[in-house]
Amino acid sequence: PLLTFIGAWVLAGEAVTGIGGLGILLLVAGIWLTARRGSRSIRLAGLTLFFALGTSAFIAAYTLVDGLGARLSASASAYAGALFVLDGLFMIIVALVTRGPKVFVQVLPSWKSGVTAALFSGGAYWIVIWAMSLAPIAAVAALRETSILFVMLMSAYFLKEKVTGFRLFGAVLIVLGAVSLRLA
């Protein structure tokens, strides 16, 4: 979210209010705290940090492209629909090139769950694209990261992971950040 904010500010001239900026910072801090294991210090190997920052940069880049693309297209639905069609065609071509025509027989047994997952994923993606066409891109990107709360709850329930004080405090910061963004 922080890289997305910087990119939206530089590329689109988007400004965030003081309370919006505070919301983004609270969300980033909350995400960081929920990601911590339980140790008092964090040791990052150079390669780990390189890949983490690289992943963050790519996510910020595609978020900015999606937000600006939805705005320039003047229709979030048309933009998302075009991406769905192009992505689908690209995946079919790659599948045919790498696995040949037998790929259709291989995926056939899973078609129901595949279609269901595609509909949910596509719907969620469309909502984000639509929101970025109306609201500041950085705010939407930050709010999208609140999904970490659901991941934390599911990992505690299903995987029996311990919810440490750091993670609980991080969850509170994420909620406060989301509320701040809503008030901004």
C-alpha atoms as a PDB file:
ATOM      1  CA  PRO A   1       0.000   0.000   0.000  1.00  0.00           C
ATOM      2  CA  LEU A   2       2.798   2.439   0.740  1.00  0.00           C
ATOM      3  CA  LEU A   3       4.449   1.932  -2.661  1.00  0.00           C
ATOM      4  CA  THR A   4       1.055   2.241  -4.327  1.00  0.00           C
ATOM      5  CA  PHE A   5       0.470   5.531  -2.517  1.00  0.00           C
ATOM      6  CA  ILE A   6       3.823   6.876  -3.698  1.00  0.00           C
ATOM      7  CA  GLY A   7       3.153   5.690  -7.261  1.00  0.00           C
ATOM      8  CA  ALA A   8      -0.360   7.159  -7.349  1.00  0.00           C
ATOM      9  CA  TRP A   9       0.976  10.452  -6.022  1.00  0.00           C
ATOM     10  CA  VAL A  10       3.791  10.615  -8.599  1.00  0.00           C
ATOM     11  CA  LEU A  11       1.956   9.183 -11.638  1.00  0.00           C
ATOM     12  CA  ALA A  12      -1.619  10.338 -11.112  1.00  0.00           C
ATOM     13  CA  GLY A  13      -1.180  13.338  -8.859  1.00  0.00           C
ATOM     14  CA  GLU A  14      -3.415  11.704  -6.259  1.00  0.00           C
ATOM     15  CA  ALA A  15      -3.265  13.308  -2.877  1.00  0.00           C
ATOM     16  CA  VAL A  16      -4.422  11.654   0.302  1.00  0.00           C
ATOM     17  CA  THR A  17      -5.749  13.649   3.223  1.00  0.00           C
ATOM     18  CA  GLY A  18      -3.899  13.606   6.518  1.00  0.00           C
ATOM     19  CA  ILE A  19      -6.341  11.117   7.995  1.00  0.00           C
ATOM     20  CA  GLY A  20      -6.064   9.024   4.808  1.00  0.00           C
ATOM     21  CA  GLY A  21      -2.276   9.002   5.088  1.00  0.00           C
ATOM     22  CA  LEU A  22      -2.583   8.011   8.728  1.00  0.00           C
ATOM     23  CA  GLY A  23      -4.928   5.197   7.689  1.00  0.00           C
ATOM     24  CA  ILE A  24      -2.398   3.875   5.170  1.00  0.00           C
ATOM     25  CA  LEU A  25       0.398   4.011   7.747  1.00  0.00           C
ATOM     26  CA  LEU A  26      -1.767   2.227  10.343  1.00  0.00           C
ATOM     27  CA  LEU A  27      -2.619  -0.484   7.819  1.00  0.00           C
ATOM     28  CA  VAL A  28       1.033  -0.957   6.829  1.00  0.00           C
ATOM     29  CA  ALA A  29       2.093  -1.156  10.481  1.00  0.00           C
ATOM     30  CA  GLY A  30      -0.732  -3.573  11.247  1.00  0.00           C
ATOM     31  CA  ILE A  31       0.161  -5.825   8.319  1.00  0.00           C
ATOM     32  CA  TRP A  32       3.793  -5.837   9.409  1.00  0.00           C
ATOM     33  CA  LEU A  33       2.864  -6.779  12.979  1.00  0.00           C
ATOM     34  CA  THR A  34       0.511  -9.575  11.935  1.00  0.00           C
ATOM     35  CA  ALA A  35       3.224 -11.001   9.685  1.00  0.00           C
ATOM     36  CA  ARG A  36       5.768 -11.200  12.515  1.00  0.00           C
ATOM     37  CA  ARG A  37       6.340 -14.616  13.976  1.00  0.00           C
ATOM     38  CA  GLY A  38       6.905 -14.226  17.694  1.00  0.00           C
ATOM     39  CA  SER A  39      10.503 -13.240  17.852  1.00  0.00           C
ATOM     40  CA  ARG A  40      11.587  -9.925  19.234  1.00  0.00           C
ATOM     41  CA  SER A  41      13.829  -9.219  16.287  1.00  0.00           C
ATOM     42  CA  ILE A  42      13.519  -9.713  12.591  1.00  0.00           C
ATOM     43  CA  ARG A  43      16.441 -11.052  10.614  1.00  0.00           C
ATOM     44  CA  LEU A  44      16.157 -10.536   6.892  1.00  0.00           C
ATOM     45  CA  ALA A  45      18.650 -12.159   4.593  1.00  0.00           C
ATOM     46  CA  GLY A  46      19.583  -9.978   1.632  1.00  0.00           C
ATOM     47  CA  LEU A  47      17.926 -12.272  -0.893  1.00  0.00           C
ATOM     48  CA  THR A  48      14.738 -12.508   1.174  1.00  0.00           C
ATOM     49  CA  LEU A  49      14.519  -8.733   1.389  1.00  0.00           C
ATOM     50  CA  PHE A  50      15.217  -8.435  -2.349  1.00  0.00           C
ATOM     51  CA  PHE A  51      12.361 -10.780  -3.254  1.00  0.00           C
ATOM     52  CA  ALA A  52       9.971  -9.234  -0.701  1.00  0.00           C
ATOM     53  CA  LEU A  53      10.592  -5.720  -2.010  1.00  0.00           C
ATOM     54  CA  GLY A  54      10.471  -6.955  -5.609  1.00  0.00           C
ATOM     55  CA  THR A  55       7.093  -8.587  -4.993  1.00  0.00           C
ATOM     56  CA  SER A  56       5.835  -5.398  -3.353  1.00  0.00           C
ATOM     57  CA  ALA A  57       6.994  -3.336  -6.324  1.00  0.00           C
ATOM     58  CA  PHE A  58       5.236  -5.629  -8.811  1.00  0.00           C
ATOM     59  CA  ILE A  59       2.001  -5.576  -6.800  1.00  0.00           C
ATOM     60  CA  ALA A  60       2.134  -1.785  -6.576  1.00  0.00           C
ATOM     61  CA  ALA A  61       2.820  -1.578 -10.321  1.00  0.00           C
ATOM     62  CA  TYR A  62      -0.095  -3.776 -11.395  1.00  0.00           C
ATOM     63  CA  THR A  63      -2.371  -2.039  -8.904  1.00  0.00           C
ATOM     64  CA  LEU A  64      -1.488   1.326 -10.441  1.00  0.00           C
ATOM     65  CA  VAL A  65      -1.916  -0.016 -13.976  1.00  0.00           C
ATOM     66  CA  ASP A  66      -5.328  -1.437 -13.061  1.00  0.00           C
ATOM     67  CA  GLY A  67      -6.508   1.719 -11.322  1.00  0.00           C
ATOM     68  CA  LEU A  68      -5.340   4.054 -14.078  1.00  0.00           C
ATOM     69  CA  GLY A  69      -6.554   1.657 -16.776  1.00  0.00           C
ATOM     70  CA  ALA A  70     -10.029   1.519 -15.270  1.00  0.00           C
ATOM     71  CA  ARG A  71     -10.163   5.310 -15.141  1.00  0.00           C
ATOM     72  CA  LEU A  72      -8.872   5.816 -18.670  1.00  0.00           C
ATOM     73  CA  SER A  73     -11.254   3.238 -20.107  1.00  0.00           C
ATOM     74  CA  ALA A  74     -14.198   5.110 -18.559  1.00  0.00           C
ATOM     75  CA  SER A  75     -15.749   1.758 -17.663  1.00  0.00           C
ATOM     76  CA  ALA A  76     -14.474  -0.482 -14.900  1.00  0.00           C
ATOM     77  CA  SER A  77     -16.604  -3.325 -16.277  1.00  0.00           C
ATOM     78  CA  ALA A  78     -15.190  -3.005 -19.794  1.00  0.00           C
ATOM     79  CA  TYR A  79     -11.622  -2.816 -18.471  1.00  0.00           C
ATOM     80  CA  ALA A  80     -12.047  -5.853 -16.210  1.00  0.00           C
ATOM     81  CA  GLY A  81     -13.876  -7.776 -18.938  1.00  0.00           C
ATOM     82  CA  ALA A  82     -11.121  -7.099 -21.474  1.00  0.00           C
ATOM     83  CA  LEU A  83      -8.511  -8.286 -18.983  1.00  0.00           C
ATOM     84  CA  PHE A  84     -10.489 -11.458 -18.233  1.00  0.00           C
ATOM     85  CA  VAL A  85     -10.768 -12.305 -21.923  1.00  0.00           C
ATOM     86  CA  LEU A  86      -7.107 -11.539 -22.671  1.00  0.00           C
ATOM     87  CA  ASP A  87      -5.874 -13.433 -19.584  1.00  0.00           C
ATOM     88  CA  GLY A  88      -8.057 -16.406 -20.479  1.00  0.00           C
ATOM     89  CA  LEU A  89      -6.770 -16.513 -24.045  1.00  0.00           C
ATOM     90  CA  PHE A  90      -3.168 -16.198 -22.864  1.00  0.00           C
ATOM     91  CA  MET A  91      -3.602 -19.040 -20.339  1.00  0.00           C
ATOM     92  CA  ILE A  92      -5.199 -21.306 -22.954  1.00  0.00           C
ATOM     93  CA  ILE A  93      -2.332 -20.645 -25.377  1.00  0.00           C
ATOM     94  CA  VAL A  94       0.308 -21.320 -22.716  1.00  0.00           C
ATOM     95  CA  ALA A  95      -1.497 -24.484 -21.624  1.00  0.00           C
ATOM     96  CA  LEU A  96      -1.713 -25.752 -25.207  1.00  0.00           C
ATOM     97  CA  VAL A  97       1.939 -24.947 -25.898  1.00  0.00           C
ATOM     98  CA  THR A  98       3.224 -26.547 -22.686  1.00  0.00           C
ATOM     99  CA  ARG A  99       0.853 -29.525 -22.357  1.00  0.00           C
ATOM    100  CA  GLY A 100      -0.807 -29.918 -25.719  1.00  0.00           C
ATOM    101  CA  PRO A 101      -4.488 -30.618 -26.400  1.00  0.00           C
ATOM    102  CA  LYS A 102      -4.596 -33.182 -23.576  1.00  0.00           C
ATOM    103  CA  VAL A 103      -4.772 -30.260 -21.151  1.00  0.00           C
ATOM    104  CA  PHE A 104      -8.531 -30.012 -21.734  1.00  0.00           C
ATOM    105  CA  VAL A 105      -8.987 -33.647 -20.701  1.00  0.00           C
ATOM    106  CA  GLN A 106      -6.794 -33.042 -17.635  1.00  0.00           C
ATOM    107  CA  VAL A 107      -8.836 -30.107 -16.333  1.00  0.00           C
ATOM    108  CA  LEU A 108     -12.257 -31.506 -17.234  1.00  0.00           C
ATOM    109  CA  PRO A 109     -12.803 -33.336 -13.897  1.00  0.00           C
ATOM    110  CA  SER A 110     -12.339 -30.040 -12.019  1.00  0.00           C
ATOM    111  CA  TRP A 111     -14.473 -27.815 -14.205  1.00  0.00           C
ATOM    112  CA  LYS A 112     -17.135 -27.072 -11.568  1.00  0.00           C
ATOM    113  CA  SER A 113     -14.713 -25.931  -8.885  1.00  0.00           C
ATOM    114  CA  GLY A 114     -12.683 -24.090 -11.533  1.00  0.00           C
ATOM    115  CA  VAL A 115     -15.699 -22.150 -12.783  1.00  0.00           C
ATOM    116  CA  THR A 116     -16.805 -21.388  -9.209  1.00  0.00           C
ATOM    117  CA  ALA A 117     -13.340 -20.130  -8.255  1.00  0.00           C
ATOM    118  CA  ALA A 118     -13.151 -18.079 -11.460  1.00  0.00           C
ATOM    119  CA  LEU A 119     -16.496 -16.409 -10.757  1.00  0.00           C
ATOM    120  CA  PHE A 120     -15.550 -15.505  -7.170  1.00  0.00           C
ATOM    121  CA  SER A 121     -12.072 -14.359  -8.157  1.00  0.00           C
ATOM    122  CA  GLY A 122     -13.394 -12.376 -11.102  1.00  0.00           C
ATOM    123  CA  GLY A 123     -16.071 -10.763  -8.961  1.00  0.00           C
ATOM    124  CA  ALA A 124     -13.567  -9.754  -6.307  1.00  0.00           C
ATOM    125  CA  TYR A 125     -11.213  -8.357  -8.944  1.00  0.00           C
ATOM    126  CA  TRP A 126     -14.035  -6.417 -10.610  1.00  0.00           C
ATOM    127  CA  ILE A 127     -15.015  -4.844  -7.273  1.00  0.00           C
ATOM    128  CA  VAL A 128     -11.433  -3.629  -6.743  1.00  0.00           C
ATOM    129  CA  ILE A 129     -11.241  -2.232 -10.290  1.00  0.00           C
ATOM    130  CA  TRP A 130     -14.599  -0.505  -9.870  1.00  0.00           C
ATOM    131  CA  ALA A 131     -13.540   0.961  -6.499  1.00  0.00           C
ATOM    132  CA  MET A 132     -10.268   2.291  -7.960  1.00  0.00           C
ATOM    133  CA  SER A 133     -12.215   4.037 -10.713  1.00  0.00           C
ATOM    134  CA  LEU A 134     -14.087   6.034  -8.041  1.00  0.00           C
ATOM    135  CA  ALA A 135     -11.749   6.351  -5.042  1.00  0.00           C
ATOM    136  CA  PRO A 136      -8.033   7.043  -4.564  1.00  0.00           C
ATOM    137  CA  ILE A 137      -6.031   4.063  -5.800  1.00  0.00           C
ATOM    138  CA  ALA A 138      -3.825   4.010  -2.699  1.00  0.00           C
ATOM    139  CA  ALA A 139      -6.835   3.908  -0.373  1.00  0.00           C
ATOM    140  CA  VAL A 140      -8.383   0.978  -2.251  1.00  0.00           C
ATOM    141  CA  ALA A 141      -5.055  -0.852  -2.298  1.00  0.00           C
ATOM    142  CA  ALA A 142      -4.691  -0.361   1.441  1.00  0.00           C
ATOM    143  CA  LEU A 143      -8.241  -1.521   2.157  1.00  0.00           C
ATOM    144  CA  ARG A 144      -7.676  -4.596  -0.004  1.00  0.00           C
ATOM    145  CA  GLU A 145      -4.918  -5.592   2.393  1.00  0.00           C
ATOM    146  CA  THR A 146      -7.444  -5.938   5.221  1.00  0.00           C
ATOM    147  CA  SER A 147      -7.932  -9.464   3.869  1.00  0.00           C
ATOM    148  CA  ILE A 148      -4.994 -10.370   6.109  1.00  0.00           C
ATOM    149  CA  LEU A 149      -7.474 -10.224   9.018  1.00  0.00           C
ATOM    150  CA  PHE A 150      -9.457 -13.071   7.474  1.00  0.00           C
ATOM    151  CA  VAL A 151      -6.269 -15.030   6.831  1.00  0.00           C
ATOM    152  CA  MET A 152      -5.261 -14.572  10.468  1.00  0.00           C
ATOM    153  CA  LEU A 153      -8.667 -15.742  11.710  1.00  0.00           C
ATOM    154  CA  MET A 154      -8.699 -18.751   9.381  1.00  0.00           C
ATOM    155  CA  SER A 155      -5.147 -19.744  10.326  1.00  0.00           C
ATOM    156  CA  ALA A 156      -6.072 -19.556  14.011  1.00  0.00           C
ATOM    157  CA  TYR A 157      -9.256 -21.576  13.518  1.00  0.00           C
ATOM    158  CA  PHE A 158      -8.252 -24.138  10.898  1.00  0.00           C
ATOM    159  CA  LEU A 159      -4.487 -24.411  11.427  1.00  0.00           C
ATOM    160  CA  LYS A 160      -4.585 -23.785  15.180  1.00  0.00           C
ATOM    161  CA  GLU A 161      -1.923 -21.088  14.883  1.00  0.00           C
ATOM    162  CA  LYS A 162      -1.418 -18.989  17.972  1.00  0.00           C
ATOM    163  CA  VAL A 163      -2.601 -15.386  17.779  1.00  0.00           C
ATOM    164  CA  THR A 164       0.188 -13.518  19.543  1.00  0.00           C
ATOM    165  CA  GLY A 165      -0.088 -10.113  21.129  1.00  0.00           C
ATOM    166  CA  PHE A 166       1.767  -8.638  18.148  1.00  0.00           C
ATOM    167  CA  ARG A 167      -0.747 -10.123  15.725  1.00  0.00           C
ATOM    168  CA  LEU A 168      -3.714  -8.998  17.784  1.00  0.00           C
ATOM    169  CA  PHE A 169      -2.308  -5.467  18.035  1.00  0.00           C
ATOM    170  CA  GLY A 170      -1.619  -5.575  14.289  1.00  0.00           C
ATOM    171  CA  ALA A 171      -5.248  -6.548  13.663  1.00  0.00           C
ATOM    172  CA  VAL A 172      -6.403  -3.573  15.732  1.00  0.00           C
ATOM    173  CA  LEU A 173      -4.137  -1.258  13.714  1.00  0.00           C
ATOM    174  CA  ILE A 174      -5.524  -2.673  10.456  1.00  0.00           C
ATOM    175  CA  VAL A 175      -9.083  -2.000  11.596  1.00  0.00           C
ATOM    176  CA  LEU A 176      -8.150   1.519  12.749  1.00  0.00           C
ATOM    177  CA  GLY A 177      -6.444   2.118   9.408  1.00  0.00           C
ATOM    178  CA  ALA A 178      -9.516   0.939   7.501  1.00  0.00           C
ATOM    179  CA  VAL A 179     -11.740   3.206   9.607  1.00  0.00           C
ATOM    180  CA  SER A 180      -9.372   6.145   9.031  1.00  0.00           C
ATOM    181  CA  LEU A 181      -9.497   5.559   5.281  1.00  0.00           C
ATOM    182  CA  ARG A 182     -13.279   5.451   5.397  1.00  0.00           C
ATOM    183  CA  LEU A 183     -13.361   8.764   7.266  1.00  0.00           C
ATOM    184  CA  ALA A 184     -10.830  10.403   4.913  1.00  0.00           C
END
